Amino acid sequence: MASKKRYALLVDLDRCIGCHACSVACKSEMGVPLGVWLSHVKYLEDGAYPNTTRYFLRNQCNQCSNPPCVAASGGAMIQREDGVVLIKDPKSPSLKTSMIACPYHNISFDEGRGEFVKCTFCSHRVDRGLVPACANTCPTEALAFGDLNDPDSEIRKRLKVKGKSEVLKERMGTKPNIYYAGFKNGAREKFEKLIPGHRQWTAREIEQQTSFNA
């Protein structure tokens, strides 16, 4: 019996040039309004002169295998059999709790529509045999998407070539499915500190992030 699919994305930091094409493609594909992002690229300067490195680090929903956001959503979120995490009821007040539960700060609120939003791995494209818009658009092929349970998938091939990859905040036990290759000299830990979700948000901060009142 064949193993069920487990979709994942590899971010190759040695290839990323920080052009933001992935973020623009995401906004275009998903109809994301100004001021709202489902993915974004952060910059990290590492090292000391003259030995410095600049990382361009893409951050998005990590599509965790053990997603705390789903557990906290009161049924407003689901996880498909292929691992993709989706919002089922985007207007549910319980999604405020999911925002707090996400260690990666990757659930946003679209004030114009009054809905919570997040990356879907472009499930509408994946279901048609296509890759997410971000991976399809990247000019340097820094993003590799595919089924981790398929040895012939693009992501498995690229992971084999890179030899080593890491996930963010592994200690949280969420089992992320966004992999990064190319971190050097402890840069992963420094990047983790740039993500607002590295600590528990207060109720006031959640209210400031949304104008949604239950």
C-alpha atoms as a PDB file:
ATOM      1  CA  MET A   1       0.000   0.000   0.000  1.00  0.00           C
ATOM      2  CA  ALA A   2       1.450   3.364  -1.021  1.00  0.00           C
ATOM      3  CA  SER A   3       2.234   5.902   1.691  1.00  0.00           C
ATOM      4  CA  LYS A   4      -0.024   8.932   1.880  1.00  0.00           C
ATOM      5  CA  LYS A   5       1.345  12.158   0.500  1.00  0.00           C
ATOM      6  CA  ARG A   6       3.194  14.621   2.707  1.00  0.00           C
ATOM      7  CA  TYR A   7       3.744  17.937   0.964  1.00  0.00           C
ATOM      8  CA  ALA A   8       6.720  20.089   1.891  1.00  0.00           C
ATOM      9  CA  LEU A   9       8.792  22.997   0.607  1.00  0.00           C
ATOM     10  CA  LEU A  10      12.574  23.412   0.566  1.00  0.00           C
ATOM     11  CA  VAL A  11      14.054  26.920   0.745  1.00  0.00           C
ATOM     12  CA  ASP A  12      17.607  26.874  -0.634  1.00  0.00           C
ATOM     13  CA  LEU A  13      19.346  29.853   0.970  1.00  0.00           C
ATOM     14  CA  ASP A  14      22.353  29.472  -1.332  1.00  0.00           C
ATOM     15  CA  ARG A  15      20.087  30.281  -4.290  1.00  0.00           C
ATOM     16  CA  CYS A  16      17.755  32.928  -2.836  1.00  0.00           C
ATOM     17  CA  ILE A  17      18.623  36.484  -3.964  1.00  0.00           C
ATOM     18  CA  GLY A  18      15.927  38.312  -2.008  1.00  0.00           C
ATOM     19  CA  CYS A  19      14.009  39.468  -5.082  1.00  0.00           C
ATOM     20  CA  HIS A  20      10.559  38.995  -3.437  1.00  0.00           C
ATOM     21  CA  ALA A  21       9.176  37.370  -6.598  1.00  0.00           C
ATOM     22  CA  CYS A  22       7.716  34.608  -4.418  1.00  0.00           C
ATOM     23  CA  SER A  23       5.857  37.099  -2.220  1.00  0.00           C
ATOM     24  CA  VAL A  24       4.493  38.996  -5.214  1.00  0.00           C
ATOM     25  CA  ALA A  25       3.393  35.743  -6.891  1.00  0.00           C
ATOM     26  CA  CYS A  26       1.628  34.740  -3.677  1.00  0.00           C
ATOM     27  CA  LYS A  27      -0.276  38.037  -3.457  1.00  0.00           C
ATOM     28  CA  SER A  28      -1.284  37.790  -7.115  1.00  0.00           C
ATOM     29  CA  GLU A  29      -2.355  34.149  -6.963  1.00  0.00           C
ATOM     30  CA  MET A  30      -4.323  34.478  -3.729  1.00  0.00           C
ATOM     31  CA  GLY A  31      -5.716  37.983  -4.243  1.00  0.00           C
ATOM     32  CA  VAL A  32      -4.047  39.259  -1.094  1.00  0.00           C
ATOM     33  CA  PRO A  33      -4.690  42.999  -0.498  1.00  0.00           C
ATOM     34  CA  LEU A  34      -2.131  45.651   0.373  1.00  0.00           C
ATOM     35  CA  GLY A  35      -0.959  45.455   3.958  1.00  0.00           C
ATOM     36  CA  VAL A  36      -1.564  41.698   4.240  1.00  0.00           C
ATOM     37  CA  TRP A  37       1.059  39.030   3.521  1.00  0.00           C
ATOM     38  CA  LEU A  38       0.834  35.240   3.402  1.00  0.00           C
ATOM     39  CA  SER A  39       4.598  35.022   2.972  1.00  0.00           C
ATOM     40  CA  HIS A  40       7.429  37.471   3.241  1.00  0.00           C
ATOM     41  CA  VAL A  41      11.210  37.667   2.955  1.00  0.00           C
ATOM     42  CA  LYS A  42      13.304  38.796   5.894  1.00  0.00           C
ATOM     43  CA  TYR A  43      16.925  39.924   5.812  1.00  0.00           C
ATOM     44  CA  LEU A  44      19.618  38.765   8.207  1.00  0.00           C
ATOM     45  CA  GLU A  45      23.144  40.152   8.332  1.00  0.00           C
ATOM     46  CA  ASP A  46      25.521  37.660   9.924  1.00  0.00           C
ATOM     47  CA  GLY A  47      29.193  37.741  10.838  1.00  0.00           C
ATOM     48  CA  ALA A  48      31.653  40.594  11.339  1.00  0.00           C
ATOM     49  CA  TYR A  49      33.576  42.625   8.800  1.00  0.00           C
ATOM     50  CA  PRO A  50      35.227  41.523   6.572  1.00  0.00           C
ATOM     51  CA  ASN A  51      33.613  38.092   6.904  1.00  0.00           C
ATOM     52  CA  THR A  52      29.938  38.901   6.553  1.00  0.00           C
ATOM     53  CA  THR A  53      26.967  37.102   5.019  1.00  0.00           C
ATOM     54  CA  ARG A  54      23.508  38.340   4.147  1.00  0.00           C
ATOM     55  CA  TYR A  55      20.690  35.816   4.220  1.00  0.00           C
ATOM     56  CA  PHE A  56      17.385  36.305   2.467  1.00  0.00           C
ATOM     57  CA  LEU A  57      14.965  34.258   4.512  1.00  0.00           C
ATOM     58  CA  ARG A  58      11.471  33.404   3.331  1.00  0.00           C
ATOM     59  CA  ASN A  59       8.927  32.935   6.091  1.00  0.00           C
ATOM     60  CA  GLN A  60       5.408  31.537   5.737  1.00  0.00           C
ATOM     61  CA  CYS A  61       3.023  29.054   7.325  1.00  0.00           C
ATOM     62  CA  ASN A  62       5.205  26.054   8.071  1.00  0.00           C
ATOM     63  CA  GLN A  63       2.403  23.585   7.279  1.00  0.00           C
ATOM     64  CA  CYS A  64       3.266  21.637  10.420  1.00  0.00           C
ATOM     65  CA  SER A  65       2.553  17.940  10.766  1.00  0.00           C
ATOM     66  CA  ASN A  66       1.562  18.656  14.375  1.00  0.00           C
ATOM     67  CA  PRO A  67      -0.108  22.073  13.975  1.00  0.00           C
ATOM     68  CA  PRO A  68      -0.977  23.814  17.268  1.00  0.00           C
ATOM     69  CA  CYS A  69      -3.118  26.311  15.340  1.00  0.00           C
ATOM     70  CA  VAL A  70      -5.546  23.567  14.321  1.00  0.00           C
ATOM     71  CA  ALA A  71      -5.811  22.259  17.881  1.00  0.00           C
ATOM     72  CA  ALA A  72      -6.562  25.797  19.118  1.00  0.00           C
ATOM     73  CA  SER A  73      -9.045  26.708  16.395  1.00  0.00           C
ATOM     74  CA  GLY A  74     -12.200  25.129  17.788  1.00  0.00           C
ATOM     75  CA  GLY A  75     -12.805  23.415  14.455  1.00  0.00           C
ATOM     76  CA  ALA A  76     -12.219  26.558  12.356  1.00  0.00           C
ATOM     77  CA  MET A  77      -9.079  25.004  10.834  1.00  0.00           C
ATOM     78  CA  ILE A  78      -8.406  21.580   9.318  1.00  0.00           C
ATOM     79  CA  GLN A  79      -5.452  19.486   8.275  1.00  0.00           C
ATOM     80  CA  ARG A  80      -5.856  17.453   5.093  1.00  0.00           C
ATOM     81  CA  GLU A  81      -4.553  13.911   4.711  1.00  0.00           C
ATOM     82  CA  ASP A  82      -1.647  15.244   2.658  1.00  0.00           C
ATOM     83  CA  GLY A  83      -0.671  17.473   5.583  1.00  0.00           C
ATOM     84  CA  VAL A  84      -1.826  20.814   4.184  1.00  0.00           C
ATOM     85  CA  VAL A  85      -3.300  23.046   6.897  1.00  0.00           C
ATOM     86  CA  LEU A  86      -6.258  25.207   5.851  1.00  0.00           C
ATOM     87  CA  ILE A  87      -8.676  27.666   7.426  1.00  0.00           C
ATOM     88  CA  LYS A  88     -12.222  26.305   7.139  1.00  0.00           C
ATOM     89  CA  ASP A  89     -14.110  29.173   8.783  1.00  0.00           C
ATOM     90  CA  PRO A  90     -12.143  32.397   8.154  1.00  0.00           C
ATOM     91  CA  LYS A  91     -14.505  34.567  10.213  1.00  0.00           C
ATOM     92  CA  SER A  92     -14.389  32.433  13.362  1.00  0.00           C
ATOM     93  CA  PRO A  93     -13.368  34.394  16.518  1.00  0.00           C
ATOM     94  CA  SER A  94     -11.527  31.277  17.745  1.00  0.00           C
ATOM     95  CA  LEU A  95      -8.849  31.940  15.133  1.00  0.00           C
ATOM     96  CA  LYS A  96      -7.499  34.633  17.432  1.00  0.00           C
ATOM     97  CA  THR A  97      -6.401  31.755  19.636  1.00  0.00           C
ATOM     98  CA  SER A  98      -4.824  30.068  16.634  1.00  0.00           C
ATOM     99  CA  MET A  99      -2.809  33.237  15.990  1.00  0.00           C
ATOM    100  CA  ILE A 100      -1.398  32.986  19.500  1.00  0.00           C
ATOM    101  CA  ALA A 101      -0.727  29.259  19.169  1.00  0.00           C
ATOM    102  CA  CYS A 102       1.311  29.601  15.957  1.00  0.00           C
ATOM    103  CA  PRO A 103       5.033  29.763  16.863  1.00  0.00           C
ATOM    104  CA  TYR A 104       5.805  31.245  13.446  1.00  0.00           C
ATOM    105  CA  HIS A 105       3.382  34.200  13.467  1.00  0.00           C
ATOM    106  CA  ASN A 106       1.863  33.187  10.151  1.00  0.00           C
ATOM    107  CA  ILE A 107      -1.872  33.698  10.536  1.00  0.00           C
ATOM    108  CA  SER A 108      -2.951  37.192   9.503  1.00  0.00           C
ATOM    109  CA  PHE A 109      -6.158  39.186   9.547  1.00  0.00           C
ATOM    110  CA  ASP A 110      -7.573  40.827   6.411  1.00  0.00           C
ATOM    111  CA  GLU A 111      -9.446  43.822   7.775  1.00  0.00           C
ATOM    112  CA  GLY A 112     -11.100  44.581   4.427  1.00  0.00           C
ATOM    113  CA  ARG A 113     -12.829  41.214   4.294  1.00  0.00           C
ATOM    114  CA  GLY A 114     -12.990  40.630   8.022  1.00  0.00           C
ATOM    115  CA  GLU A 115     -11.284  37.259   7.603  1.00  0.00           C
ATOM    116  CA  PHE A 116      -8.269  35.419   8.926  1.00  0.00           C
ATOM    117  CA  VAL A 117      -5.895  34.253   6.200  1.00  0.00           C
ATOM    118  CA  LYS A 118      -2.764  32.137   5.813  1.00  0.00           C
ATOM    119  CA  CYS A 119      -0.699  30.277   3.231  1.00  0.00           C
ATOM    120  CA  THR A 120      -2.524  27.264   1.787  1.00  0.00           C
ATOM    121  CA  PHE A 121       0.453  25.797  -0.137  1.00  0.00           C
ATOM    122  CA  CYS A 122      -1.710  26.893  -3.107  1.00  0.00           C
ATOM    123  CA  SER A 123      -3.808  23.774  -2.527  1.00  0.00           C
ATOM    124  CA  HIS A 124      -6.029  24.698  -5.496  1.00  0.00           C
ATOM    125  CA  ARG A 125      -2.955  24.418  -7.734  1.00  0.00           C
ATOM    126  CA  VAL A 126      -1.509  21.350  -6.024  1.00  0.00           C
ATOM    127  CA  ASP A 127      -4.798  19.505  -6.448  1.00  0.00           C
ATOM    128  CA  ARG A 128      -4.407  20.031 -10.215  1.00  0.00           C
ATOM    129  CA  GLY A 129      -0.883  18.646 -10.249  1.00  0.00           C
ATOM    130  CA  LEU A 130       0.821  22.071 -10.193  1.00  0.00           C
ATOM    131  CA  VAL A 131       3.328  23.501  -7.732  1.00  0.00           C
ATOM    132  CA  PRO A 132       2.554  26.536  -5.534  1.00  0.00           C
ATOM    133  CA  ALA A 133       2.810  29.915  -7.242  1.00  0.00           C
ATOM    134  CA  CYS A 134       5.892  30.869  -5.226  1.00  0.00           C
ATOM    135  CA  ALA A 135       7.885  27.818  -6.364  1.00  0.00           C
ATOM    136  CA  ASN A 136       6.649  28.234  -9.918  1.00  0.00           C
ATOM    137  CA  THR A 137       7.801  31.865 -10.038  1.00  0.00           C
ATOM    138  CA  CYS A 138      11.186  31.813  -8.272  1.00  0.00           C
ATOM    139  CA  PRO A 139      13.777  32.876 -10.907  1.00  0.00           C
ATOM    140  CA  THR A 140      16.675  31.084  -9.211  1.00  0.00           C
ATOM    141  CA  GLU A 141      14.733  27.904  -8.366  1.00  0.00           C
ATOM    142  CA  ALA A 142      15.451  28.457  -4.691  1.00  0.00           C
ATOM    143  CA  LEU A 143      12.117  26.828  -3.802  1.00  0.00           C
ATOM    144  CA  ALA A 144      11.508  23.122  -4.330  1.00  0.00           C
ATOM    145  CA  PHE A 145       8.058  21.683  -3.620  1.00  0.00           C
ATOM    146  CA  GLY A 146       6.821  18.117  -3.571  1.00  0.00           C
ATOM    147  CA  ASP A 147       5.781  14.981  -1.739  1.00  0.00           C
ATOM    148  CA  LEU A 148       8.334  13.926   0.864  1.00  0.00           C
ATOM    149  CA  ASN A 149       7.045  10.362   0.654  1.00  0.00           C
ATOM    150  CA  ASP A 150       7.831  10.184  -3.081  1.00  0.00           C
ATOM    151  CA  PRO A 151      11.536   9.423  -3.693  1.00  0.00           C
ATOM    152  CA  ASP A 152      11.200  10.775  -7.234  1.00  0.00           C
ATOM    153  CA  SER A 153       9.736  14.135  -6.192  1.00  0.00           C
ATOM    154  CA  GLU A 154      11.659  17.365  -6.794  1.00  0.00           C
ATOM    155  CA  ILE A 155      12.016  18.106  -3.096  1.00  0.00           C
ATOM    156  CA  ARG A 156      13.457  14.682  -2.302  1.00  0.00           C
ATOM    157  CA  LYS A 157      15.991  15.050  -5.115  1.00  0.00           C
ATOM    158  CA  ARG A 158      17.041  18.509  -3.972  1.00  0.00           C
ATOM    159  CA  LEU A 159      17.293  17.473  -0.332  1.00  0.00           C
ATOM    160  CA  LYS A 160      19.576  14.642  -1.369  1.00  0.00           C
ATOM    161  CA  VAL A 161      21.821  17.037  -3.292  1.00  0.00           C
ATOM    162  CA  LYS A 162      21.986  19.593  -0.449  1.00  0.00           C
ATOM    163  CA  GLY A 163      22.791  16.909   2.083  1.00  0.00           C
ATOM    164  CA  LYS A 164      21.620  18.903   5.110  1.00  0.00           C
ATOM    165  CA  SER A 165      18.494  20.888   5.886  1.00  0.00           C
ATOM    166  CA  GLU A 166      16.939  22.436   8.993  1.00  0.00           C
ATOM    167  CA  VAL A 167      13.518  23.493  10.205  1.00  0.00           C
ATOM    168  CA  LEU A 168      12.624  26.467  12.369  1.00  0.00           C
ATOM    169  CA  LYS A 169      11.882  26.101  16.078  1.00  0.00           C
ATOM    170  CA  GLU A 170      12.194  22.326  16.035  1.00  0.00           C
ATOM    171  CA  ARG A 171      12.080  22.361  19.844  1.00  0.00           C
ATOM    172  CA  MET A 172       8.396  23.368  19.688  1.00  0.00           C
ATOM    173  CA  GLY A 173       7.468  19.890  18.456  1.00  0.00           C
ATOM    174  CA  THR A 174       5.251  21.143  15.626  1.00  0.00           C
ATOM    175  CA  LYS A 175       7.148  19.141  12.980  1.00  0.00           C
ATOM    176  CA  PRO A 176       7.312  21.866  10.290  1.00  0.00           C
ATOM    177  CA  ASN A 177       7.264  20.996   6.592  1.00  0.00           C
ATOM    178  CA  ILE A 178       9.243  24.044   5.456  1.00  0.00           C
ATOM    179  CA  TYR A 179      12.900  23.051   5.199  1.00  0.00           C
ATOM    180  CA  TYR A 180      15.881  25.393   4.917  1.00  0.00           C
ATOM    181  CA  ALA A 181      19.237  24.487   3.392  1.00  0.00           C
ATOM    182  CA  GLY A 182      22.286  26.715   3.614  1.00  0.00           C
ATOM    183  CA  PHE A 183      22.270  28.088   7.165  1.00  0.00           C
ATOM    184  CA  LYS A 184      25.824  28.662   8.423  1.00  0.00           C
ATOM    185  CA  ASN A 185      27.429  29.506  11.764  1.00  0.00           C
ATOM    186  CA  GLY A 186      24.277  29.392  13.857  1.00  0.00           C
ATOM    187  CA  ALA A 187      22.324  31.738  11.572  1.00  0.00           C
ATOM    188  CA  ARG A 188      19.159  29.665  12.025  1.00  0.00           C
ATOM    189  CA  GLU A 189      18.943  30.577  15.707  1.00  0.00           C
ATOM    190  CA  LYS A 190      19.398  34.258  14.873  1.00  0.00           C
ATOM    191  CA  PHE A 191      16.643  34.095  12.276  1.00  0.00           C
ATOM    192  CA  GLU A 192      14.255  32.461  14.737  1.00  0.00           C
ATOM    193  CA  LYS A 193      14.583  35.512  16.975  1.00  0.00           C
ATOM    194  CA  LEU A 194      13.362  37.730  14.122  1.00  0.00           C
ATOM    195  CA  ILE A 195      10.004  35.956  14.049  1.00  0.00           C
ATOM    196  CA  PRO A 196       7.473  37.706  16.348  1.00  0.00           C
ATOM    197  CA  GLY A 197       5.944  34.371  17.301  1.00  0.00           C
ATOM    198  CA  HIS A 198       9.040  33.453  19.309  1.00  0.00           C
ATOM    199  CA  ARG A 199       7.068  34.340  22.444  1.00  0.00           C
ATOM    200  CA  GLN A 200       3.472  34.173  23.623  1.00  0.00           C
ATOM    201  CA  TRP A 201       1.405  37.128  22.415  1.00  0.00           C
ATOM    202  CA  THR A 202      -0.702  39.064  24.892  1.00  0.00           C
ATOM    203  CA  ALA A 203      -4.425  39.555  24.352  1.00  0.00           C
ATOM    204  CA  ARG A 204      -3.792  43.273  23.757  1.00  0.00           C
ATOM    205  CA  GLU A 205      -1.271  42.517  21.020  1.00  0.00           C
ATOM    206  CA  ILE A 206      -3.747  40.225  19.300  1.00  0.00           C
ATOM    207  CA  GLU A 207      -6.351  43.003  19.375  1.00  0.00           C
ATOM    208  CA  GLN A 208      -3.833  45.405  17.881  1.00  0.00           C
ATOM    209  CA  GLN A 209      -3.110  42.938  15.084  1.00  0.00           C
ATOM    210  CA  THR A 210      -6.812  42.692  14.227  1.00  0.00           C
ATOM    211  CA  SER A 211      -9.798  44.993  14.368  1.00  0.00           C
ATOM    212  CA  PHE A 212     -11.996  41.932  14.817  1.00  0.00           C
ATOM    213  CA  ASN A 213     -14.052  41.815  17.993  1.00  0.00           C
ATOM    214  CA  ALA A 214     -15.989  38.700  18.852  1.00  0.00           C
END
